Amino acid sequence: MAAPANALIVCGGGMAVPRQGKVTAFLPLPACGLLSAAPATVIARGLTALRPEAEIAADWLPPLRSFKSLVGAGPACNPGTHVTDLGIACGLTDEFGRRLQRS
Protein backbone atom coordinates (compact mmCIF):
# COMPACT_ATOMS: atom_id res chain seq x y z
CA MET A 1 0.00 0.00 0.00
CA ALA A 2 3.01 2.31 0.23
CA ALA A 3 3.19 2.79 -3.56
CA PRO A 4 -0.35 4.15 -4.00
CA ALA A 5 -0.15 6.16 -0.77
CA ASN A 6 3.07 7.82 -1.91
CA ALA A 7 1.64 8.52 -5.38
CA LEU A 8 -1.37 10.22 -3.82
CA ILE A 9 0.79 12.24 -1.42
CA VAL A 10 2.82 13.59 -4.34
CA CYS A 11 -0.23 14.77 -6.34
CA GLY A 12 -2.35 15.87 -3.38
CA GLY A 13 -4.93 13.08 -3.45
CA GLY A 14 -7.11 11.05 -5.73
CA MET A 15 -7.41 7.34 -6.48
CA ALA A 16 -4.65 4.81 -7.03
CA VAL A 17 -4.84 1.06 -7.57
CA PRO A 18 -1.87 -1.11 -6.54
CA ARG A 19 -0.82 -4.54 -7.69
CA GLN A 20 2.34 -6.34 -6.60
CA GLY A 21 3.80 -3.20 -5.05
CA LYS A 22 3.25 -0.95 -8.06
CA VAL A 23 0.55 1.53 -9.04
CA THR A 24 -1.32 0.17 -12.05
CA ALA A 25 -3.92 2.94 -12.35
CA PHE A 26 -3.93 6.45 -10.99
CA LEU A 27 -6.39 9.35 -11.02
CA PRO A 28 -5.03 12.58 -9.51
CA LEU A 29 -7.68 14.64 -7.72
CA PRO A 30 -5.53 17.30 -6.05
CA ALA A 31 -8.31 19.44 -4.56
CA CYS A 32 -8.84 17.71 -1.21
CA GLY A 33 -8.39 14.34 -2.92
CA LEU A 34 -11.86 14.73 -4.41
CA LEU A 35 -11.77 17.26 -7.24
CA SER A 36 -9.55 18.44 -10.06
CA ALA A 37 -9.26 21.48 -12.28
CA ALA A 38 -8.50 19.17 -15.21
CA PRO A 39 -11.05 19.00 -18.02
CA ALA A 40 -13.85 16.47 -17.57
CA THR A 41 -12.55 14.48 -20.54
CA VAL A 42 -9.19 13.98 -18.79
CA ILE A 43 -10.88 12.86 -15.56
CA ALA A 44 -13.18 10.53 -17.52
CA ARG A 45 -10.20 8.89 -19.25
CA GLY A 46 -8.47 8.44 -15.90
CA LEU A 47 -11.54 6.88 -14.29
CA THR A 48 -12.06 4.66 -17.34
CA ALA A 49 -8.48 3.37 -16.99
CA LEU A 50 -8.88 2.94 -13.23
CA ARG A 51 -12.07 0.84 -13.38
CA PRO A 52 -10.65 -2.43 -14.82
CA GLU A 53 -7.60 -2.22 -12.57
CA ALA A 54 -9.80 -1.76 -9.49
CA GLU A 55 -11.87 -4.77 -10.50
CA ILE A 56 -8.69 -6.88 -10.75
CA ALA A 57 -7.29 -5.63 -7.44
CA ALA A 58 -10.48 -5.97 -5.40
CA ASP A 59 -12.12 -9.26 -4.53
CA TRP A 60 -15.47 -7.54 -3.90
CA LEU A 61 -17.66 -6.16 -6.62
CA PRO A 62 -18.04 -3.49 -7.71
CA PRO A 63 -15.12 -1.67 -6.10
CA LEU A 64 -15.91 1.65 -7.77
CA ARG A 65 -19.08 1.97 -5.70
CA SER A 66 -16.88 2.45 -2.67
CA PHE A 67 -14.81 5.08 -4.47
CA LYS A 68 -17.95 6.85 -5.65
CA SER A 69 -19.53 6.88 -2.20
CA LEU A 70 -16.40 8.40 -0.67
CA VAL A 71 -15.77 10.92 -3.44
CA GLY A 72 -19.41 11.84 -4.00
CA ALA A 73 -20.21 12.39 -0.34
CA GLY A 74 -17.41 14.87 0.23
CA PRO A 75 -18.04 18.10 -1.67
CA ALA A 76 -19.82 20.75 0.38
CA CYS A 77 -22.04 21.60 -2.61
CA ASN A 78 -23.89 18.30 -2.13
CA PRO A 79 -27.17 18.29 -0.19
CA GLY A 80 -26.88 18.10 3.58
CA THR A 81 -24.27 19.25 6.04
CA HIS A 82 -20.54 18.79 5.43
CA VAL A 83 -17.33 19.69 7.19
CA THR A 84 -15.45 22.33 5.18
CA ASP A 85 -12.42 24.55 5.69
CA LEU A 86 -14.89 27.23 6.87
CA GLY A 87 -16.66 24.95 9.36
CA ILE A 88 -19.93 23.05 9.06
CA ALA A 89 -21.78 24.04 5.88
CA CYS A 90 -25.04 23.11 4.18
CA GLY A 91 -24.90 22.55 0.43
CA LEU A 92 -28.58 23.35 0.01
CA THR A 93 -28.77 26.67 1.87
CA ASP A 94 -25.16 27.92 1.83
CA GLU A 95 -25.39 28.40 5.61
CA PHE A 96 -22.36 27.99 7.86
CA GLY A 97 -21.66 27.31 11.51
CA ARG A 98 -24.07 28.16 14.30
CA ARG A 99 -27.00 28.83 11.99
CA LEU A 100 -27.06 25.08 11.28
CA GLN A 101 -27.49 24.05 14.91
CA ARG A 102 -30.90 22.69 15.83
CA SER A 103 -33.06 24.73 18.21
C-alpha atoms as a PDB file:
ATOM      1  CA  MET A   1       0.000   0.000   0.000  1.00  0.00           C
ATOM      2  CA  ALA A   2       3.005   2.307   0.229  1.00  0.00           C
ATOM      3  CA  ALA A   3       3.192   2.787  -3.555  1.00  0.00           C
ATOM      4  CA  PRO A   4      -0.354   4.148  -4.002  1.00  0.00           C
ATOM      5  CA  ALA A   5      -0.153   6.156  -0.772  1.00  0.00           C
ATOM      6  CA  ASN A   6       3.075   7.823  -1.912  1.00  0.00           C
ATOM      7  CA  ALA A   7       1.643   8.518  -5.384  1.00  0.00           C
ATOM      8  CA  LEU A   8      -1.371  10.224  -3.816  1.00  0.00           C
ATOM      9  CA  ILE A   9       0.788  12.240  -1.420  1.00  0.00           C
ATOM     10  CA  VAL A  10       2.822  13.592  -4.341  1.00  0.00           C
ATOM     11  CA  CYS A  11      -0.229  14.769  -6.338  1.00  0.00           C
ATOM     12  CA  GLY A  12      -2.349  15.873  -3.377  1.00  0.00           C
ATOM     13  CA  GLY A  13      -4.926  13.076  -3.454  1.00  0.00           C
ATOM     14  CA  GLY A  14      -7.112  11.052  -5.730  1.00  0.00           C
ATOM     15  CA  MET A  15      -7.409   7.344  -6.478  1.00  0.00           C
ATOM     16  CA  ALA A  16      -4.650   4.809  -7.027  1.00  0.00           C
ATOM     17  CA  VAL A  17      -4.843   1.060  -7.570  1.00  0.00           C
ATOM     18  CA  PRO A  18      -1.872  -1.105  -6.542  1.00  0.00           C
ATOM     19  CA  ARG A  19      -0.823  -4.545  -7.688  1.00  0.00           C
ATOM     20  CA  GLN A  20       2.336  -6.341  -6.597  1.00  0.00           C
ATOM     21  CA  GLY A  21       3.796  -3.205  -5.052  1.00  0.00           C
ATOM     22  CA  LYS A  22       3.253  -0.952  -8.059  1.00  0.00           C
ATOM     23  CA  VAL A  23       0.546   1.532  -9.036  1.00  0.00           C
ATOM     24  CA  THR A  24      -1.322   0.168 -12.050  1.00  0.00           C
ATOM     25  CA  ALA A  25      -3.918   2.937 -12.345  1.00  0.00           C
ATOM     26  CA  PHE A  26      -3.926   6.445 -10.994  1.00  0.00           C
ATOM     27  CA  LEU A  27      -6.388   9.351 -11.019  1.00  0.00           C
ATOM     28  CA  PRO A  28      -5.025  12.577  -9.507  1.00  0.00           C
ATOM     29  CA  LEU A  29      -7.678  14.640  -7.717  1.00  0.00           C
ATOM     30  CA  PRO A  30      -5.530  17.296  -6.051  1.00  0.00           C
ATOM     31  CA  ALA A  31      -8.305  19.442  -4.563  1.00  0.00           C
ATOM     32  CA  CYS A  32      -8.835  17.708  -1.210  1.00  0.00           C
ATOM     33  CA  GLY A  33      -8.395  14.345  -2.923  1.00  0.00           C
ATOM     34  CA  LEU A  34     -11.863  14.726  -4.414  1.00  0.00           C
ATOM     35  CA  LEU A  35     -11.766  17.261  -7.243  1.00  0.00           C
ATOM     36  CA  SER A  36      -9.546  18.436 -10.063  1.00  0.00           C
ATOM     37  CA  ALA A  37      -9.261  21.484 -12.277  1.00  0.00           C
ATOM     38  CA  ALA A  38      -8.496  19.170 -15.209  1.00  0.00           C
ATOM     39  CA  PRO A  39     -11.050  19.001 -18.023  1.00  0.00           C
ATOM     40  CA  ALA A  40     -13.851  16.471 -17.567  1.00  0.00           C
ATOM     41  CA  THR A  41     -12.546  14.477 -20.543  1.00  0.00           C
ATOM     42  CA  VAL A  42      -9.188  13.979 -18.786  1.00  0.00           C
ATOM     43  CA  ILE A  43     -10.877  12.864 -15.564  1.00  0.00           C
ATOM     44  CA  ALA A  44     -13.179  10.531 -17.522  1.00  0.00           C
ATOM     45  CA  ARG A  45     -10.202   8.894 -19.254  1.00  0.00           C
ATOM     46  CA  GLY A  46      -8.473   8.439 -15.900  1.00  0.00           C
ATOM     47  CA  LEU A  47     -11.541   6.880 -14.294  1.00  0.00           C
ATOM     48  CA  THR A  48     -12.060   4.661 -17.343  1.00  0.00           C
ATOM     49  CA  ALA A  49      -8.482   3.366 -16.991  1.00  0.00           C
ATOM     50  CA  LEU A  50      -8.880   2.937 -13.234  1.00  0.00           C
ATOM     51  CA  ARG A  51     -12.068   0.836 -13.379  1.00  0.00           C
ATOM     52  CA  PRO A  52     -10.654  -2.429 -14.819  1.00  0.00           C
ATOM     53  CA  GLU A  53      -7.601  -2.219 -12.575  1.00  0.00           C
ATOM     54  CA  ALA A  54      -9.798  -1.756  -9.492  1.00  0.00           C
ATOM     55  CA  GLU A  55     -11.867  -4.772 -10.498  1.00  0.00           C
ATOM     56  CA  ILE A  56      -8.692  -6.883 -10.745  1.00  0.00           C
ATOM     57  CA  ALA A  57      -7.286  -5.629  -7.444  1.00  0.00           C
ATOM     58  CA  ALA A  58     -10.484  -5.971  -5.400  1.00  0.00           C
ATOM     59  CA  ASP A  59     -12.118  -9.263  -4.528  1.00  0.00           C
ATOM     60  CA  TRP A  60     -15.468  -7.538  -3.899  1.00  0.00           C
ATOM     61  CA  LEU A  61     -17.662  -6.157  -6.623  1.00  0.00           C
ATOM     62  CA  PRO A  62     -18.038  -3.486  -7.709  1.00  0.00           C
ATOM     63  CA  PRO A  63     -15.122  -1.669  -6.097  1.00  0.00           C
ATOM     64  CA  LEU A  64     -15.914   1.648  -7.767  1.00  0.00           C
ATOM     65  CA  ARG A  65     -19.081   1.969  -5.700  1.00  0.00           C
ATOM     66  CA  SER A  66     -16.875   2.451  -2.665  1.00  0.00           C
ATOM     67  CA  PHE A  67     -14.807   5.078  -4.469  1.00  0.00           C
ATOM     68  CA  LYS A  68     -17.945   6.847  -5.647  1.00  0.00           C
ATOM     69  CA  SER A  69     -19.527   6.876  -2.201  1.00  0.00           C
ATOM     70  CA  LEU A  70     -16.396   8.403  -0.672  1.00  0.00           C
ATOM     71  CA  VAL A  71     -15.770  10.924  -3.439  1.00  0.00           C
ATOM     72  CA  GLY A  72     -19.414  11.838  -4.004  1.00  0.00           C
ATOM     73  CA  ALA A  73     -20.213  12.393  -0.342  1.00  0.00           C
ATOM     74  CA  GLY A  74     -17.406  14.866   0.231  1.00  0.00           C
ATOM     75  CA  PRO A  75     -18.035  18.101  -1.667  1.00  0.00           C
ATOM     76  CA  ALA A  76     -19.824  20.751   0.377  1.00  0.00           C
ATOM     77  CA  CYS A  77     -22.036  21.599  -2.606  1.00  0.00           C
ATOM     78  CA  ASN A  78     -23.886  18.297  -2.134  1.00  0.00           C
ATOM     79  CA  PRO A  79     -27.170  18.294  -0.188  1.00  0.00           C
ATOM     80  CA  GLY A  80     -26.882  18.101   3.583  1.00  0.00           C
ATOM     81  CA  THR A  81     -24.271  19.248   6.041  1.00  0.00           C
ATOM     82  CA  HIS A  82     -20.544  18.788   5.432  1.00  0.00           C
ATOM     83  CA  VAL A  83     -17.330  19.695   7.190  1.00  0.00           C
ATOM     84  CA  THR A  84     -15.450  22.332   5.181  1.00  0.00           C
ATOM     85  CA  ASP A  85     -12.424  24.548   5.693  1.00  0.00           C
ATOM     86  CA  LEU A  86     -14.891  27.228   6.871  1.00  0.00           C
ATOM     87  CA  GLY A  87     -16.655  24.948   9.357  1.00  0.00           C
ATOM     88  CA  ILE A  88     -19.929  23.053   9.063  1.00  0.00           C
ATOM     89  CA  ALA A  89     -21.783  24.037   5.884  1.00  0.00           C
ATOM     90  CA  CYS A  90     -25.041  23.109   4.182  1.00  0.00           C
ATOM     91  CA  GLY A  91     -24.901  22.545   0.432  1.00  0.00           C
ATOM     92  CA  LEU A  92     -28.584  23.352   0.014  1.00  0.00           C
ATOM     93  CA  THR A  93     -28.765  26.669   1.866  1.00  0.00           C
ATOM     94  CA  ASP A  94     -25.161  27.915   1.833  1.00  0.00           C
ATOM     95  CA  GLU A  95     -25.387  28.397   5.609  1.00  0.00           C
ATOM     96  CA  PHE A  96     -22.357  27.994   7.860  1.00  0.00           C
ATOM     97  CA  GLY A  97     -21.664  27.309  11.506  1.00  0.00           C
ATOM     98  CA  ARG A  98     -24.070  28.156  14.299  1.00  0.00           C
ATOM     99  CA  ARG A  99     -26.997  28.828  11.985  1.00  0.00           C
ATOM    100  CA  LEU A 100     -27.056  25.082  11.280  1.00  0.00           C
ATOM    101  CA  GLN A 101     -27.493  24.048  14.910  1.00  0.00           C
ATOM    102  CA  ARG A 102     -30.896  22.692  15.831  1.00  0.00           C
ATOM    103  CA  SER A 103     -33.056  24.729  18.206  1.00  0.00           C
END
